[in-house]
Amino acid sequence: MAPSTILVIEDDTPIRSVIRAAAESEGHIVYEAATAAHGLSLARQERPALIVLDLGLPDADGLAVCQSIRTWSSTPIVVLSARHTDQEMARLLDAGADDFLAKPFSTLELQARIRAHLRRARMPSLARDDAPLHVGRLTIDRATRTLTKAGVVVHLTPTEWALLLAFVTHAGRTMTHQQLFDAVWGRSHGDAQQYLRVYVAHLRRKIEDDSLRPTLIITESAVGYRFAPID
């Protein structure tokens, strides 16, 4: 994989050094910021390919930083937090984060996440004559990477888009938790079932008419999920 620029916004110097070493060992160029203000300034100035963002910054909540970046950039954002709950992950997704790593984290896991997000960001769109897909009230246009529901554009983060594509590519078939996790994040050391539960719940809220009674993303108990057949 060609080198990319990565911005690390983290106030803890030892952790920042670990992240820098992990990224530089794979050939990436790393910019560092210890505060939200400096991080936002570097994000606008350097336009990094990926941002690693800590939630507990001294001058602002990392959640607010994520929301601010999302007003002008779709750069993948991987959030670090000592709080590791489904509620916390849902809050981060709502703010526009693409991924979440709980502290303490594995360097190998961090590198795997970075590779997966950079690889996905570099994927070219499919040919523009590729016909849009229709399921229920959804129209999925893979050429322009847009999703509409009853004619209204639905915003998806890069990770949510990758998850939706994994589903529609295997529409009508059951995919295991691990198959979905591998398709979206690449092979890594994360808890596939827990991650998917949160991301699927968030995607359901965006695409289902009633996320509590889903008809598009069906849970296959103890196995995985199945997406409704494409029209």
C-alpha atoms as a PDB file:
ATOM      1  CA  MET A   1       0.000   0.000   0.000  1.00  0.00           C
ATOM      2  CA  ALA A   2       1.352   3.439  -0.948  1.00  0.00           C
ATOM      3  CA  PRO A   3       2.195   5.831   1.910  1.00  0.00           C
ATOM      4  CA  SER A   4      -0.577   8.078   3.194  1.00  0.00           C
ATOM      5  CA  THR A   5      -0.728  11.031   5.558  1.00  0.00           C
ATOM      6  CA  ILE A   6      -2.261  10.298   8.952  1.00  0.00           C
ATOM      7  CA  LEU A   7      -3.211  12.856  11.590  1.00  0.00           C
ATOM      8  CA  VAL A   8      -3.094  11.757  15.238  1.00  0.00           C
ATOM      9  CA  ILE A   9      -5.039  13.957  17.685  1.00  0.00           C
ATOM     10  CA  GLU A  10      -4.148  12.617  21.129  1.00  0.00           C
ATOM     11  CA  ASP A  11      -2.997  14.462  24.267  1.00  0.00           C
ATOM     12  CA  ASP A  12      -1.229  11.476  25.845  1.00  0.00           C
ATOM     13  CA  THR A  13       2.374  11.647  24.585  1.00  0.00           C
ATOM     14  CA  PRO A  14       3.253   7.934  25.071  1.00  0.00           C
ATOM     15  CA  ILE A  15       0.081   6.807  23.264  1.00  0.00           C
ATOM     16  CA  ARG A  16       0.707   9.320  20.495  1.00  0.00           C
ATOM     17  CA  SER A  17       4.228   7.932  20.102  1.00  0.00           C
ATOM     18  CA  VAL A  18       2.910   4.369  19.859  1.00  0.00           C
ATOM     19  CA  ILE A  19       0.434   5.370  17.145  1.00  0.00           C
ATOM     20  CA  ARG A  20       3.119   7.277  15.249  1.00  0.00           C
ATOM     21  CA  ALA A  21       5.484   4.288  15.373  1.00  0.00           C
ATOM     22  CA  ALA A  22       2.727   1.914  14.225  1.00  0.00           C
ATOM     23  CA  ALA A  23       1.819   4.132  11.270  1.00  0.00           C
ATOM     24  CA  GLU A  24       5.384   4.998  10.286  1.00  0.00           C
ATOM     25  CA  SER A  25       6.363   1.321  10.347  1.00  0.00           C
ATOM     26  CA  GLU A  26       3.968   0.895   7.407  1.00  0.00           C
ATOM     27  CA  GLY A  27       5.457   3.857   5.557  1.00  0.00           C
ATOM     28  CA  HIS A  28       2.883   6.519   6.405  1.00  0.00           C
ATOM     29  CA  ILE A  29       3.595  10.187   7.112  1.00  0.00           C
ATOM     30  CA  VAL A  30       2.255  11.212  10.527  1.00  0.00           C
ATOM     31  CA  TYR A  31       1.179  14.623  11.830  1.00  0.00           C
ATOM     32  CA  GLU A  32       0.563  15.021  15.559  1.00  0.00           C
ATOM     33  CA  ALA A  33      -1.630  17.283  17.669  1.00  0.00           C
ATOM     34  CA  ALA A  34      -2.124  17.267  21.444  1.00  0.00           C
ATOM     35  CA  THR A  35      -5.186  19.532  21.464  1.00  0.00           C
ATOM     36  CA  ALA A  36      -8.459  19.793  19.583  1.00  0.00           C
ATOM     37  CA  ALA A  37      -7.617  23.279  18.312  1.00  0.00           C
ATOM     38  CA  HIS A  38      -4.270  22.195  16.884  1.00  0.00           C
ATOM     39  CA  GLY A  39      -5.819  19.034  15.467  1.00  0.00           C
ATOM     40  CA  LEU A  40      -8.567  20.906  13.639  1.00  0.00           C
ATOM     41  CA  SER A  41      -6.014  23.351  12.256  1.00  0.00           C
ATOM     42  CA  LEU A  42      -3.790  20.518  10.978  1.00  0.00           C
ATOM     43  CA  ALA A  43      -6.782  18.674   9.530  1.00  0.00           C
ATOM     44  CA  ARG A  44      -7.672  21.677   7.370  1.00  0.00           C
ATOM     45  CA  GLN A  45      -4.074  22.466   6.492  1.00  0.00           C
ATOM     46  CA  GLU A  46      -2.757  18.989   5.670  1.00  0.00           C
ATOM     47  CA  ARG A  47      -5.945  17.216   4.499  1.00  0.00           C
ATOM     48  CA  PRO A  48      -4.821  13.805   5.854  1.00  0.00           C
ATOM     49  CA  ALA A  49      -6.015  10.524   4.373  1.00  0.00           C
ATOM     50  CA  LEU A  50      -7.065   9.301   7.834  1.00  0.00           C
ATOM     51  CA  ILE A  51      -7.474  10.753  11.333  1.00  0.00           C
ATOM     52  CA  VAL A  52      -6.920   8.941  14.634  1.00  0.00           C
ATOM     53  CA  LEU A  53      -8.839  10.910  17.271  1.00  0.00           C
ATOM     54  CA  ASP A  54      -8.862  10.606  21.056  1.00  0.00           C
ATOM     55  CA  LEU A  55     -12.113  11.460  22.837  1.00  0.00           C
ATOM     56  CA  GLY A  56     -10.542  12.853  26.003  1.00  0.00           C
ATOM     57  CA  LEU A  57      -8.802  15.997  24.760  1.00  0.00           C
ATOM     58  CA  PRO A  58      -7.924  18.811  27.196  1.00  0.00           C
ATOM     59  CA  ASP A  59      -9.595  21.695  25.349  1.00  0.00           C
ATOM     60  CA  ALA A  60     -12.659  20.053  23.756  1.00  0.00           C
ATOM     61  CA  ASP A  61     -14.650  16.845  23.628  1.00  0.00           C
ATOM     62  CA  GLY A  62     -13.406  14.586  20.853  1.00  0.00           C
ATOM     63  CA  LEU A  63     -17.033  14.070  19.844  1.00  0.00           C
ATOM     64  CA  ALA A  64     -17.307  17.768  19.002  1.00  0.00           C
ATOM     65  CA  VAL A  65     -14.066  17.568  17.024  1.00  0.00           C
ATOM     66  CA  CYS A  66     -15.472  14.675  15.003  1.00  0.00           C
ATOM     67  CA  GLN A  67     -18.688  16.579  14.310  1.00  0.00           C
ATOM     68  CA  SER A  68     -16.719  19.649  13.245  1.00  0.00           C
ATOM     69  CA  ILE A  69     -14.570  17.696  10.789  1.00  0.00           C
ATOM     70  CA  ARG A  70     -17.655  16.052   9.312  1.00  0.00           C
ATOM     71  CA  THR A  71     -19.059  19.447   8.279  1.00  0.00           C
ATOM     72  CA  TRP A  72     -16.373  19.748   5.599  1.00  0.00           C
ATOM     73  CA  SER A  73     -14.573  16.410   5.190  1.00  0.00           C
ATOM     74  CA  SER A  74     -15.352  12.719   4.662  1.00  0.00           C
ATOM     75  CA  THR A  75     -11.861  11.639   5.775  1.00  0.00           C
ATOM     76  CA  PRO A  76     -12.054   8.337   7.706  1.00  0.00           C
ATOM     77  CA  ILE A  77     -11.932   8.956  11.472  1.00  0.00           C
ATOM     78  CA  VAL A  78     -10.857   6.225  13.902  1.00  0.00           C
ATOM     79  CA  VAL A  79     -11.763   7.188  17.473  1.00  0.00           C
ATOM     80  CA  LEU A  80      -9.892   6.055  20.597  1.00  0.00           C
ATOM     81  CA  SER A  81     -11.692   5.902  23.932  1.00  0.00           C
ATOM     82  CA  ALA A  82     -11.335   4.357  27.366  1.00  0.00           C
ATOM     83  CA  ARG A  83     -15.121   3.999  27.439  1.00  0.00           C
ATOM     84  CA  HIS A  84     -16.147   0.852  25.570  1.00  0.00           C
ATOM     85  CA  THR A  85     -19.929   0.469  25.538  1.00  0.00           C
ATOM     86  CA  ASP A  86     -22.539   0.052  22.823  1.00  0.00           C
ATOM     87  CA  GLN A  87     -23.981   3.433  23.824  1.00  0.00           C
ATOM     88  CA  GLU A  88     -20.599   5.106  23.391  1.00  0.00           C
ATOM     89  CA  MET A  89     -20.072   3.501  19.994  1.00  0.00           C
ATOM     90  CA  ALA A  90     -23.535   4.618  18.878  1.00  0.00           C
ATOM     91  CA  ARG A  91     -22.786   8.205  19.959  1.00  0.00           C
ATOM     92  CA  LEU A  92     -19.592   8.168  17.932  1.00  0.00           C
ATOM     93  CA  LEU A  93     -21.340   6.853  14.835  1.00  0.00           C
ATOM     94  CA  ASP A  94     -23.955   9.580  15.198  1.00  0.00           C
ATOM     95  CA  ALA A  95     -21.125  12.125  15.295  1.00  0.00           C
ATOM     96  CA  GLY A  96     -19.697  10.769  12.034  1.00  0.00           C
ATOM     97  CA  ALA A  97     -16.893   8.493  13.241  1.00  0.00           C
ATOM     98  CA  ASP A  98     -15.994   5.555  11.007  1.00  0.00           C
ATOM     99  CA  ASP A  99     -14.437   3.265  13.576  1.00  0.00           C
ATOM    100  CA  PHE A 100     -13.755   2.834  17.281  1.00  0.00           C
ATOM    101  CA  LEU A 101     -10.886   1.343  19.261  1.00  0.00           C
ATOM    102  CA  ALA A 102     -11.000   0.858  23.017  1.00  0.00           C
ATOM    103  CA  LYS A 103      -7.959   1.709  25.116  1.00  0.00           C
ATOM    104  CA  PRO A 104      -5.733  -0.134  25.691  1.00  0.00           C
ATOM    105  CA  PHE A 105      -5.546  -1.303  22.093  1.00  0.00           C
ATOM    106  CA  SER A 106      -3.331  -3.677  20.151  1.00  0.00           C
ATOM    107  CA  THR A 107      -0.853  -2.104  17.737  1.00  0.00           C
ATOM    108  CA  LEU A 108      -1.629  -4.866  15.238  1.00  0.00           C
ATOM    109  CA  GLU A 109      -5.332  -4.116  15.550  1.00  0.00           C
ATOM    110  CA  LEU A 110      -4.728  -0.405  14.960  1.00  0.00           C
ATOM    111  CA  GLN A 111      -2.615  -1.138  11.888  1.00  0.00           C
ATOM    112  CA  ALA A 112      -5.284  -3.486  10.518  1.00  0.00           C
ATOM    113  CA  ARG A 113      -7.972  -0.819  10.939  1.00  0.00           C
ATOM    114  CA  ILE A 114      -5.818   1.828   9.285  1.00  0.00           C
ATOM    115  CA  ARG A 115      -5.103  -0.464   6.322  1.00  0.00           C
ATOM    116  CA  ALA A 116      -8.783  -1.321   5.901  1.00  0.00           C
ATOM    117  CA  HIS A 117      -9.934   2.307   5.917  1.00  0.00           C
ATOM    118  CA  LEU A 118      -7.192   3.516   3.587  1.00  0.00           C
ATOM    119  CA  ARG A 119      -7.833   0.628   1.187  1.00  0.00           C
ATOM    120  CA  ARG A 120     -11.553   1.384   1.124  1.00  0.00           C
ATOM    121  CA  ALA A 121     -10.977   5.119   0.638  1.00  0.00           C
ATOM    122  CA  ARG A 122      -8.838   4.363  -2.418  1.00  0.00           C
ATOM    123  CA  MET A 123     -11.333   2.030  -4.053  1.00  0.00           C
ATOM    124  CA  PRO A 124     -12.557   3.545  -7.316  1.00  0.00           C
ATOM    125  CA  SER A 125     -16.276   3.842  -7.851  1.00  0.00           C
ATOM    126  CA  LEU A 126     -17.845   1.197 -10.045  1.00  0.00           C
ATOM    127  CA  ALA A 127     -18.534   2.039 -13.667  1.00  0.00           C
ATOM    128  CA  ARG A 128     -21.192   4.702 -14.107  1.00  0.00           C
ATOM    129  CA  ASP A 129     -23.320   2.492 -16.370  1.00  0.00           C
ATOM    130  CA  ASP A 130     -23.757   0.082 -13.451  1.00  0.00           C
ATOM    131  CA  ALA A 131     -27.510   0.147 -12.873  1.00  0.00           C
ATOM    132  CA  PRO A 132     -28.726   1.326  -9.456  1.00  0.00           C
ATOM    133  CA  LEU A 133     -30.084  -1.363  -7.149  1.00  0.00           C
ATOM    134  CA  HIS A 134     -33.582  -1.171  -5.690  1.00  0.00           C
ATOM    135  CA  VAL A 135     -34.850  -2.805  -2.523  1.00  0.00           C
ATOM    136  CA  GLY A 136     -38.010  -1.603  -0.855  1.00  0.00           C
ATOM    137  CA  ARG A 137     -37.920   2.196  -0.839  1.00  0.00           C
ATOM    138  CA  LEU A 138     -34.125   2.256  -1.179  1.00  0.00           C
ATOM    139  CA  THR A 139     -32.130   3.059  -4.298  1.00  0.00           C
ATOM    140  CA  ILE A 140     -28.443   2.178  -4.031  1.00  0.00           C
ATOM    141  CA  ASP A 141     -26.306   3.844  -6.690  1.00  0.00           C
ATOM    142  CA  ARG A 142     -22.881   2.231  -6.523  1.00  0.00           C
ATOM    143  CA  ALA A 143     -21.472   4.359  -9.347  1.00  0.00           C
ATOM    144  CA  THR A 144     -22.028   7.614  -7.466  1.00  0.00           C
ATOM    145  CA  ARG A 145     -21.859   6.010  -4.002  1.00  0.00           C
ATOM    146  CA  THR A 146     -25.222   7.464  -3.021  1.00  0.00           C
ATOM    147  CA  LEU A 147     -28.213   6.040  -1.197  1.00  0.00           C
ATOM    148  CA  THR A 148     -31.725   7.421  -1.373  1.00  0.00           C
ATOM    149  CA  LYS A 149     -34.797   6.401   0.576  1.00  0.00           C
ATOM    150  CA  ALA A 150     -38.102   7.330  -1.043  1.00  0.00           C
ATOM    151  CA  GLY A 151     -36.170   9.874  -3.097  1.00  0.00           C
ATOM    152  CA  VAL A 152     -34.408  11.484  -0.128  1.00  0.00           C
ATOM    153  CA  VAL A 153     -30.617  11.224   0.071  1.00  0.00           C
ATOM    154  CA  VAL A 154     -29.406   9.287   3.127  1.00  0.00           C
ATOM    155  CA  HIS A 155     -25.929  10.188   4.384  1.00  0.00           C
ATOM    156  CA  LEU A 156     -23.703   7.207   5.157  1.00  0.00           C
ATOM    157  CA  THR A 157     -20.184   7.214   6.548  1.00  0.00           C
ATOM    158  CA  PRO A 158     -17.592   5.261   4.519  1.00  0.00           C
ATOM    159  CA  THR A 159     -17.891   2.365   6.968  1.00  0.00           C
ATOM    160  CA  GLU A 160     -21.690   2.303   6.757  1.00  0.00           C
ATOM    161  CA  TRP A 161     -21.457   2.371   2.963  1.00  0.00           C
ATOM    162  CA  ALA A 162     -18.998  -0.540   3.002  1.00  0.00           C
ATOM    163  CA  LEU A 163     -21.330  -2.498   5.284  1.00  0.00           C
ATOM    164  CA  LEU A 164     -24.319  -1.808   3.026  1.00  0.00           C
ATOM    165  CA  LEU A 165     -22.331  -2.927  -0.040  1.00  0.00           C
ATOM    166  CA  ALA A 166     -21.335  -6.132   1.733  1.00  0.00           C
ATOM    167  CA  PHE A 167     -25.008  -6.796   2.391  1.00  0.00           C
ATOM    168  CA  VAL A 168     -26.294  -6.021  -1.112  1.00  0.00           C
ATOM    169  CA  THR A 169     -23.473  -8.005  -2.734  1.00  0.00           C
ATOM    170  CA  HIS A 170     -24.791 -11.063  -0.883  1.00  0.00           C
ATOM    171  CA  ALA A 171     -28.479 -10.103  -0.859  1.00  0.00           C
ATOM    172  CA  GLY A 172     -30.796 -12.946   0.075  1.00  0.00           C
ATOM    173  CA  ARG A 173     -27.957 -14.967   1.616  1.00  0.00           C
ATOM    174  CA  THR A 174     -26.937 -15.266   5.250  1.00  0.00           C
ATOM    175  CA  MET A 175     -23.511 -13.846   6.084  1.00  0.00           C
ATOM    176  CA  THR A 176     -21.801 -14.799   9.324  1.00  0.00           C
ATOM    177  CA  HIS A 177     -20.556 -12.171  11.746  1.00  0.00           C
ATOM    178  CA  GLN A 178     -16.970 -12.939  10.753  1.00  0.00           C
ATOM    179  CA  GLN A 179     -17.684 -12.792   7.014  1.00  0.00           C
ATOM    180  CA  LEU A 180     -19.232  -9.347   7.385  1.00  0.00           C
ATOM    181  CA  PHE A 181     -16.460  -8.145   9.669  1.00  0.00           C
ATOM    182  CA  ASP A 182     -13.801  -9.329   7.222  1.00  0.00           C
ATOM    183  CA  ALA A 183     -15.612  -7.715   4.273  1.00  0.00           C
ATOM    184  CA  VAL A 184     -15.809  -4.319   5.966  1.00  0.00           C
ATOM    185  CA  TRP A 185     -12.754  -4.082   8.218  1.00  0.00           C
ATOM    186  CA  GLY A 186     -10.490  -6.794   6.882  1.00  0.00           C
ATOM    187  CA  ARG A 187      -9.166  -9.576   9.061  1.00  0.00           C
ATOM    188  CA  SER A 188      -8.252  -8.233  12.492  1.00  0.00           C
ATOM    189  CA  HIS A 189      -8.399  -9.077  16.156  1.00  0.00           C
ATOM    190  CA  GLY A 190     -11.657  -7.294  17.030  1.00  0.00           C
ATOM    191  CA  ASP A 191     -14.848  -8.687  18.480  1.00  0.00           C
ATOM    192  CA  ALA A 192     -16.806  -9.098  15.251  1.00  0.00           C
ATOM    193  CA  GLN A 193     -20.172  -9.755  16.867  1.00  0.00           C
ATOM    194  CA  GLN A 194     -20.095  -6.737  19.179  1.00  0.00           C
ATOM    195  CA  TYR A 195     -18.920  -4.343  16.472  1.00  0.00           C
ATOM    196  CA  LEU A 196     -21.502  -5.550  14.009  1.00  0.00           C
ATOM    197  CA  ARG A 197     -24.343  -5.310  16.513  1.00  0.00           C
ATOM    198  CA  VAL A 198     -23.697  -1.599  16.948  1.00  0.00           C
ATOM    199  CA  TYR A 199     -23.028  -0.798  13.284  1.00  0.00           C
ATOM    200  CA  VAL A 200     -26.005  -2.812  12.051  1.00  0.00           C
ATOM    201  CA  ALA A 201     -28.300  -1.104  14.565  1.00  0.00           C
ATOM    202  CA  HIS A 202     -27.083   2.271  13.348  1.00  0.00           C
ATOM    203  CA  LEU A 203     -27.498   1.354   9.675  1.00  0.00           C
ATOM    204  CA  ARG A 204     -30.983   0.012  10.368  1.00  0.00           C
ATOM    205  CA  ARG A 205     -32.008   3.357  11.850  1.00  0.00           C
ATOM    206  CA  LYS A 206     -31.063   4.981   8.557  1.00  0.00           C
ATOM    207  CA  ILE A 207     -32.558   2.539   6.051  1.00  0.00           C
ATOM    208  CA  GLU A 208     -35.418   0.671   7.732  1.00  0.00           C
ATOM    209  CA  ASP A 209     -38.951   2.062   8.004  1.00  0.00           C
ATOM    210  CA  ASP A 210     -39.030   0.645  11.535  1.00  0.00           C
ATOM    211  CA  SER A 211     -35.608  -0.258  12.910  1.00  0.00           C
ATOM    212  CA  LEU A 212     -37.202  -2.280  15.724  1.00  0.00           C
ATOM    213  CA  ARG A 213     -39.005  -4.464  13.162  1.00  0.00           C
ATOM    214  CA  PRO A 214     -36.457  -4.673  10.356  1.00  0.00           C
ATOM    215  CA  THR A 215     -37.409  -6.044   6.960  1.00  0.00           C
ATOM    216  CA  LEU A 216     -34.152  -5.299   5.114  1.00  0.00           C
ATOM    217  CA  ILE A 217     -31.404  -6.469   7.482  1.00  0.00           C
ATOM    218  CA  ILE A 218     -32.613  -9.658   9.132  1.00  0.00           C
ATOM    219  CA  THR A 219     -30.857 -11.139  12.170  1.00  0.00           C
ATOM    220  CA  GLU A 220     -30.022 -14.811  11.860  1.00  0.00           C
ATOM    221  CA  SER A 221     -29.738 -15.771  15.516  1.00  0.00           C
ATOM    222  CA  ALA A 222     -26.229 -16.818  16.643  1.00  0.00           C
ATOM    223  CA  VAL A 223     -25.052 -16.834  13.010  1.00  0.00           C
ATOM    224  CA  GLY A 224     -25.091 -13.389  11.424  1.00  0.00           C
ATOM    225  CA  TYR A 225     -27.367 -11.323   9.179  1.00  0.00           C
ATOM    226  CA  ARG A 226     -29.254 -11.643   5.906  1.00  0.00           C
ATOM    227  CA  PHE A 227     -30.145  -8.762   3.584  1.00  0.00           C
ATOM    228  CA  ALA A 228     -33.458  -8.742   1.725  1.00  0.00           C
ATOM    229  CA  PRO A 229     -33.355  -9.845  -1.942  1.00  0.00           C
ATOM    230  CA  ILE A 230     -32.734  -7.094  -4.505  1.00  0.00           C
ATOM    231  CA  ASP A 231     -35.648  -6.243  -6.807  1.00  0.00           C
END
